Amino acid sequence: MAEMIFDGWSGLARTLIVGMLAYVLLVFFLRVSGKRTLSKLNAFDLIVTVALGSTLATVLLSRDISLTNGLVAFALLIGLQLIVTWSSVRLRWVRKLLTGEPTLLLYRGEFVAQALHQARVTRDEVRSAVRSSGILALDDVEAVVLETDGSMSVVRRSSYTGPSSLEDVQRYSGRGTG
């Protein structure tokens, strides 16, 4: 029973030393990998983040895993993320596979019922996003878009007739926002 509470100074010293080194090296790897690794999380980014956390915990707490093995695991995960994000920037099909597409939830004051249902988003959540944007009337909203990171973007109506920010949004059929 006492061993569950304290099993010696060597285990404690290992956890402190390996923990500090692993933390510093993980921060270094994340800084080298760029801002994309730490951006708003889509599903792929979340998986990589959880895997990095799990690897850090394993390196810290398992005497069977050396710091070197942990660093190789960190480098592998971050390297794979760099390869996949590099591919997703250059290949649309990879981007769509990993992050999905933004979805139109409200268009010109009208809810898109099928999109709400498929995205499992309520009308109340959409109205809340509109209110958070400082807009009172739904008729003043051109669109509410569920972004690939799970956030909602609210676009005000505008008389502008140039290229629209909605062109890559699933179920958007209009051209311009006028």
C-alpha atoms as a PDB file:
ATOM      1  CA  MET A   1       0.000   0.000   0.000  1.00  0.00           C
ATOM      2  CA  ALA A   2       2.782   2.444   0.857  1.00  0.00           C
ATOM      3  CA  GLU A   3       4.430   1.778  -2.533  1.00  0.00           C
ATOM      4  CA  MET A   4       1.337   3.176  -4.270  1.00  0.00           C
ATOM      5  CA  ILE A   5       1.897   6.466  -2.483  1.00  0.00           C
ATOM      6  CA  PHE A   6       5.699   6.682  -2.656  1.00  0.00           C
ATOM      7  CA  ASP A   7       7.997   4.168  -4.325  1.00  0.00           C
ATOM      8  CA  GLY A   8      11.327   5.943  -3.927  1.00  0.00           C
ATOM      9  CA  TRP A   9      13.293   9.008  -4.881  1.00  0.00           C
ATOM     10  CA  SER A  10      14.691   7.574  -8.124  1.00  0.00           C
ATOM     11  CA  GLY A  11      11.230   7.345  -9.737  1.00  0.00           C
ATOM     12  CA  LEU A  12      10.443  10.879  -8.637  1.00  0.00           C
ATOM     13  CA  ALA A  13      13.761  12.191  -9.953  1.00  0.00           C
ATOM     14  CA  ARG A  14      13.235  10.418 -13.304  1.00  0.00           C
ATOM     15  CA  THR A  15       9.764  11.947 -13.661  1.00  0.00           C
ATOM     16  CA  LEU A  16      11.099  15.437 -12.897  1.00  0.00           C
ATOM     17  CA  ILE A  17      14.106  15.230 -15.225  1.00  0.00           C
ATOM     18  CA  VAL A  18      12.357  13.467 -18.109  1.00  0.00           C
ATOM     19  CA  GLY A  19       9.299  15.705 -17.657  1.00  0.00           C
ATOM     20  CA  MET A  20      11.294  18.913 -17.935  1.00  0.00           C
ATOM     21  CA  LEU A  21      13.321  17.689 -20.909  1.00  0.00           C
ATOM     22  CA  ALA A  22      10.283  16.270 -22.722  1.00  0.00           C
ATOM     23  CA  TYR A  23       8.310  19.478 -22.137  1.00  0.00           C
ATOM     24  CA  VAL A  24      11.095  21.734 -23.413  1.00  0.00           C
ATOM     25  CA  LEU A  25      11.688  19.544 -26.476  1.00  0.00           C
ATOM     26  CA  LEU A  26       7.958  19.265 -27.251  1.00  0.00           C
ATOM     27  CA  VAL A  27       7.620  23.066 -27.113  1.00  0.00           C
ATOM     28  CA  PHE A  28      10.672  23.322 -29.392  1.00  0.00           C
ATOM     29  CA  PHE A  29       9.187  20.818 -31.893  1.00  0.00           C
ATOM     30  CA  LEU A  30       5.866  22.664 -31.889  1.00  0.00           C
ATOM     31  CA  ARG A  31       7.573  26.023 -32.494  1.00  0.00           C
ATOM     32  CA  VAL A  32       9.630  24.573 -35.350  1.00  0.00           C
ATOM     33  CA  SER A  33       6.548  22.961 -36.930  1.00  0.00           C
ATOM     34  CA  GLY A  34       4.833  26.332 -37.296  1.00  0.00           C
ATOM     35  CA  LYS A  35       1.645  28.051 -36.259  1.00  0.00           C
ATOM     36  CA  ARG A  36      -0.564  25.589 -38.140  1.00  0.00           C
ATOM     37  CA  THR A  37       0.137  22.903 -35.531  1.00  0.00           C
ATOM     38  CA  LEU A  38      -1.316  25.156 -32.824  1.00  0.00           C
ATOM     39  CA  SER A  39      -4.187  26.678 -34.806  1.00  0.00           C
ATOM     40  CA  LYS A  40      -7.887  26.172 -34.183  1.00  0.00           C
ATOM     41  CA  LEU A  41      -8.474  22.464 -34.116  1.00  0.00           C
ATOM     42  CA  ASN A  42     -10.274  20.472 -36.764  1.00  0.00           C
ATOM     43  CA  ALA A  43     -10.707  16.716 -36.282  1.00  0.00           C
ATOM     44  CA  PHE A  44      -7.247  15.859 -37.622  1.00  0.00           C
ATOM     45  CA  ASP A  45      -5.510  18.485 -35.472  1.00  0.00           C
ATOM     46  CA  LEU A  46      -7.387  17.267 -32.399  1.00  0.00           C
ATOM     47  CA  ILE A  47      -6.199  13.703 -32.969  1.00  0.00           C
ATOM     48  CA  VAL A  48      -2.579  14.829 -33.299  1.00  0.00           C
ATOM     49  CA  THR A  49      -2.880  17.000 -30.176  1.00  0.00           C
ATOM     50  CA  VAL A  50      -4.344  14.145 -28.127  1.00  0.00           C
ATOM     51  CA  ALA A  51      -1.650  11.779 -29.434  1.00  0.00           C
ATOM     52  CA  LEU A  52       1.087  14.253 -28.438  1.00  0.00           C
ATOM     53  CA  GLY A  53      -0.414  14.577 -24.955  1.00  0.00           C
ATOM     54  CA  SER A  54      -0.705  10.823 -24.595  1.00  0.00           C
ATOM     55  CA  THR A  55       2.892  10.376 -25.730  1.00  0.00           C
ATOM     56  CA  LEU A  56       4.088  12.994 -23.246  1.00  0.00           C
ATOM     57  CA  ALA A  57       2.201  11.267 -20.420  1.00  0.00           C
ATOM     58  CA  THR A  58       3.621   7.878 -21.388  1.00  0.00           C
ATOM     59  CA  VAL A  59       7.180   9.216 -21.519  1.00  0.00           C
ATOM     60  CA  LEU A  60       6.706  10.899 -18.141  1.00  0.00           C
ATOM     61  CA  LEU A  61       5.154   7.995 -16.288  1.00  0.00           C
ATOM     62  CA  SER A  62       6.426   4.800 -17.904  1.00  0.00           C
ATOM     63  CA  ARG A  63       9.873   3.612 -16.939  1.00  0.00           C
ATOM     64  CA  ASP A  64       9.791   1.297 -19.961  1.00  0.00           C
ATOM     65  CA  ILE A  65       9.854   4.236 -22.412  1.00  0.00           C
ATOM     66  CA  SER A  66      13.052   6.229 -22.727  1.00  0.00           C
ATOM     67  CA  LEU A  67      13.176   9.947 -23.369  1.00  0.00           C
ATOM     68  CA  THR A  68      14.782   9.215 -26.750  1.00  0.00           C
ATOM     69  CA  ASN A  69      11.873   6.951 -27.748  1.00  0.00           C
ATOM     70  CA  GLY A  70       9.457   9.677 -26.686  1.00  0.00           C
ATOM     71  CA  LEU A  71      11.283  12.302 -28.724  1.00  0.00           C
ATOM     72  CA  VAL A  72      11.183  10.056 -31.780  1.00  0.00           C
ATOM     73  CA  ALA A  73       7.430   9.638 -31.228  1.00  0.00           C
ATOM     74  CA  PHE A  74       6.987  13.442 -30.931  1.00  0.00           C
ATOM     75  CA  ALA A  75       9.012  13.995 -34.091  1.00  0.00           C
ATOM     76  CA  LEU A  76       7.041  11.309 -35.936  1.00  0.00           C
ATOM     77  CA  LEU A  77       3.645  12.781 -34.991  1.00  0.00           C
ATOM     78  CA  ILE A  78       4.677  16.345 -35.797  1.00  0.00           C
ATOM     79  CA  GLY A  79       6.389  15.231 -39.016  1.00  0.00           C
ATOM     80  CA  LEU A  80       3.262  13.385 -40.139  1.00  0.00           C
ATOM     81  CA  GLN A  81       1.194  16.461 -39.356  1.00  0.00           C
ATOM     82  CA  LEU A  82       3.546  18.612 -41.435  1.00  0.00           C
ATOM     83  CA  ILE A  83       3.299  16.201 -44.380  1.00  0.00           C
ATOM     84  CA  VAL A  84      -0.477  16.009 -44.175  1.00  0.00           C
ATOM     85  CA  THR A  85      -0.952  19.775 -43.802  1.00  0.00           C
ATOM     86  CA  TRP A  86       1.517  20.412 -46.641  1.00  0.00           C
ATOM     87  CA  SER A  87      -0.555  18.031 -48.792  1.00  0.00           C
ATOM     88  CA  SER A  88      -3.842  19.594 -47.734  1.00  0.00           C
ATOM     89  CA  VAL A  89      -2.630  23.050 -48.778  1.00  0.00           C
ATOM     90  CA  ARG A  90      -1.687  21.754 -52.222  1.00  0.00           C
ATOM     91  CA  LEU A  91      -4.353  19.088 -52.891  1.00  0.00           C
ATOM     92  CA  ARG A  92      -8.029  19.970 -52.451  1.00  0.00           C
ATOM     93  CA  TRP A  93      -9.110  16.326 -52.119  1.00  0.00           C
ATOM     94  CA  VAL A  94      -6.726  15.833 -49.178  1.00  0.00           C
ATOM     95  CA  ARG A  95      -8.058  19.017 -47.541  1.00  0.00           C
ATOM     96  CA  LYS A  96     -11.666  17.876 -48.004  1.00  0.00           C
ATOM     97  CA  LEU A  97     -10.838  14.407 -46.670  1.00  0.00           C
ATOM     98  CA  LEU A  98      -9.170  15.752 -43.515  1.00  0.00           C
ATOM     99  CA  THR A  99     -11.168  18.844 -42.645  1.00  0.00           C
ATOM    100  CA  GLY A 100     -14.456  18.524 -44.505  1.00  0.00           C
ATOM    101  CA  GLU A 101     -16.125  21.604 -45.904  1.00  0.00           C
ATOM    102  CA  PRO A 102     -17.820  24.591 -44.322  1.00  0.00           C
ATOM    103  CA  THR A 103     -21.618  24.201 -44.231  1.00  0.00           C
ATOM    104  CA  LEU A 104     -24.252  26.852 -44.817  1.00  0.00           C
ATOM    105  CA  LEU A 105     -26.718  26.857 -41.895  1.00  0.00           C
ATOM    106  CA  LEU A 106     -28.630  30.076 -42.573  1.00  0.00           C
ATOM    107  CA  TYR A 107     -28.854  31.923 -45.867  1.00  0.00           C
ATOM    108  CA  ARG A 108     -30.452  35.339 -46.325  1.00  0.00           C
ATOM    109  CA  GLY A 109     -32.456  35.032 -43.127  1.00  0.00           C
ATOM    110  CA  GLU A 110     -33.697  31.482 -43.840  1.00  0.00           C
ATOM    111  CA  PHE A 111     -32.526  28.384 -41.997  1.00  0.00           C
ATOM    112  CA  VAL A 112     -31.164  25.524 -44.120  1.00  0.00           C
ATOM    113  CA  ALA A 113     -33.039  22.712 -42.372  1.00  0.00           C
ATOM    114  CA  GLN A 114     -31.217  19.767 -43.944  1.00  0.00           C
ATOM    115  CA  ALA A 115     -27.812  21.270 -43.144  1.00  0.00           C
ATOM    116  CA  LEU A 116     -28.848  21.979 -39.537  1.00  0.00           C
ATOM    117  CA  HIS A 117     -30.003  18.387 -39.154  1.00  0.00           C
ATOM    118  CA  GLN A 118     -26.861  16.873 -40.706  1.00  0.00           C
ATOM    119  CA  ALA A 119     -24.571  19.119 -38.654  1.00  0.00           C
ATOM    120  CA  ARG A 120     -26.586  18.466 -35.458  1.00  0.00           C
ATOM    121  CA  VAL A 121     -26.906  22.198 -34.841  1.00  0.00           C
ATOM    122  CA  THR A 122     -30.051  23.813 -33.453  1.00  0.00           C
ATOM    123  CA  ARG A 123     -31.695  26.997 -34.642  1.00  0.00           C
ATOM    124  CA  ASP A 124     -31.084  28.392 -31.148  1.00  0.00           C
ATOM    125  CA  GLU A 125     -27.326  27.872 -31.573  1.00  0.00           C
ATOM    126  CA  VAL A 126     -27.412  29.717 -34.894  1.00  0.00           C
ATOM    127  CA  ARG A 127     -29.413  32.591 -33.366  1.00  0.00           C
ATOM    128  CA  SER A 128     -26.881  32.718 -30.522  1.00  0.00           C
ATOM    129  CA  ALA A 129     -24.024  33.074 -33.037  1.00  0.00           C
ATOM    130  CA  VAL A 130     -25.929  35.884 -34.758  1.00  0.00           C
ATOM    131  CA  ARG A 131     -26.473  37.670 -31.439  1.00  0.00           C
ATOM    132  CA  SER A 132     -22.802  37.215 -30.539  1.00  0.00           C
ATOM    133  CA  SER A 133     -21.991  39.058 -33.761  1.00  0.00           C
ATOM    134  CA  GLY A 134     -24.062  42.011 -32.591  1.00  0.00           C
ATOM    135  CA  ILE A 135     -26.842  41.485 -35.122  1.00  0.00           C
ATOM    136  CA  LEU A 136     -30.463  41.702 -34.024  1.00  0.00           C
ATOM    137  CA  ALA A 137     -32.466  40.683 -37.111  1.00  0.00           C
ATOM    138  CA  LEU A 138     -31.896  37.472 -39.025  1.00  0.00           C
ATOM    139  CA  ASP A 139     -32.866  39.405 -42.173  1.00  0.00           C
ATOM    140  CA  ASP A 140     -29.638  41.401 -41.732  1.00  0.00           C
ATOM    141  CA  VAL A 141     -27.628  38.189 -42.077  1.00  0.00           C
ATOM    142  CA  GLU A 142     -26.408  37.022 -45.458  1.00  0.00           C
ATOM    143  CA  ALA A 143     -25.205  33.693 -44.082  1.00  0.00           C
ATOM    144  CA  VAL A 144     -24.207  31.698 -41.040  1.00  0.00           C
ATOM    145  CA  VAL A 145     -21.548  29.116 -41.849  1.00  0.00           C
ATOM    146  CA  LEU A 146     -20.435  26.172 -39.721  1.00  0.00           C
ATOM    147  CA  GLU A 147     -16.682  26.208 -40.290  1.00  0.00           C
ATOM    148  CA  THR A 148     -14.472  23.118 -40.406  1.00  0.00           C
ATOM    149  CA  ASP A 149     -13.143  23.843 -36.903  1.00  0.00           C
ATOM    150  CA  GLY A 150     -16.673  23.838 -35.449  1.00  0.00           C
ATOM    151  CA  SER A 151     -16.985  27.614 -35.092  1.00  0.00           C
ATOM    152  CA  MET A 152     -19.792  29.588 -36.704  1.00  0.00           C
ATOM    153  CA  SER A 153     -19.100  32.548 -38.963  1.00  0.00           C
ATOM    154  CA  VAL A 154     -21.801  35.172 -39.359  1.00  0.00           C
ATOM    155  CA  VAL A 155     -21.732  37.221 -42.562  1.00  0.00           C
ATOM    156  CA  ARG A 156     -23.736  40.478 -42.703  1.00  0.00           C
ATOM    157  CA  ARG A 157     -25.754  41.382 -45.773  1.00  0.00           C
ATOM    158  CA  SER A 158     -23.938  43.684 -48.128  1.00  0.00           C
ATOM    159  CA  SER A 159     -24.547  45.412 -51.430  1.00  0.00           C
ATOM    160  CA  TYR A 160     -21.079  44.358 -52.594  1.00  0.00           C
ATOM    161  CA  THR A 161     -21.275  42.331 -55.820  1.00  0.00           C
ATOM    162  CA  GLY A 162     -17.687  41.085 -56.195  1.00  0.00           C
ATOM    163  CA  PRO A 163     -16.316  37.652 -55.332  1.00  0.00           C
ATOM    164  CA  SER A 164     -17.994  36.154 -52.261  1.00  0.00           C
ATOM    165  CA  SER A 165     -16.349  34.612 -49.222  1.00  0.00           C
ATOM    166  CA  LEU A 166     -19.125  31.994 -49.423  1.00  0.00           C
ATOM    167  CA  GLU A 167     -17.978  30.419 -52.685  1.00  0.00           C
ATOM    168  CA  ASP A 168     -16.350  27.397 -50.985  1.00  0.00           C
ATOM    169  CA  VAL A 169     -19.306  26.798 -48.669  1.00  0.00           C
ATOM    170  CA  GLN A 170     -21.315  23.617 -49.070  1.00  0.00           C
ATOM    171  CA  ARG A 171     -24.867  24.287 -50.378  1.00  0.00           C
ATOM    172  CA  TYR A 172     -24.126  27.886 -51.406  1.00  0.00           C
ATOM    173  CA  SER A 173     -25.518  28.496 -54.871  1.00  0.00           C
ATOM    174  CA  GLY A 174     -25.419  32.269 -55.120  1.00  0.00           C
ATOM    175  CA  ARG A 175     -22.787  34.422 -56.753  1.00  0.00           C
ATOM    176  CA  GLY A 176     -21.900  37.531 -54.826  1.00  0.00           C
ATOM    177  CA  THR A 177     -23.774  38.636 -51.757  1.00  0.00           C
ATOM    178  CA  GLY A 178     -26.046  41.319 -53.163  1.00  0.00           C
END
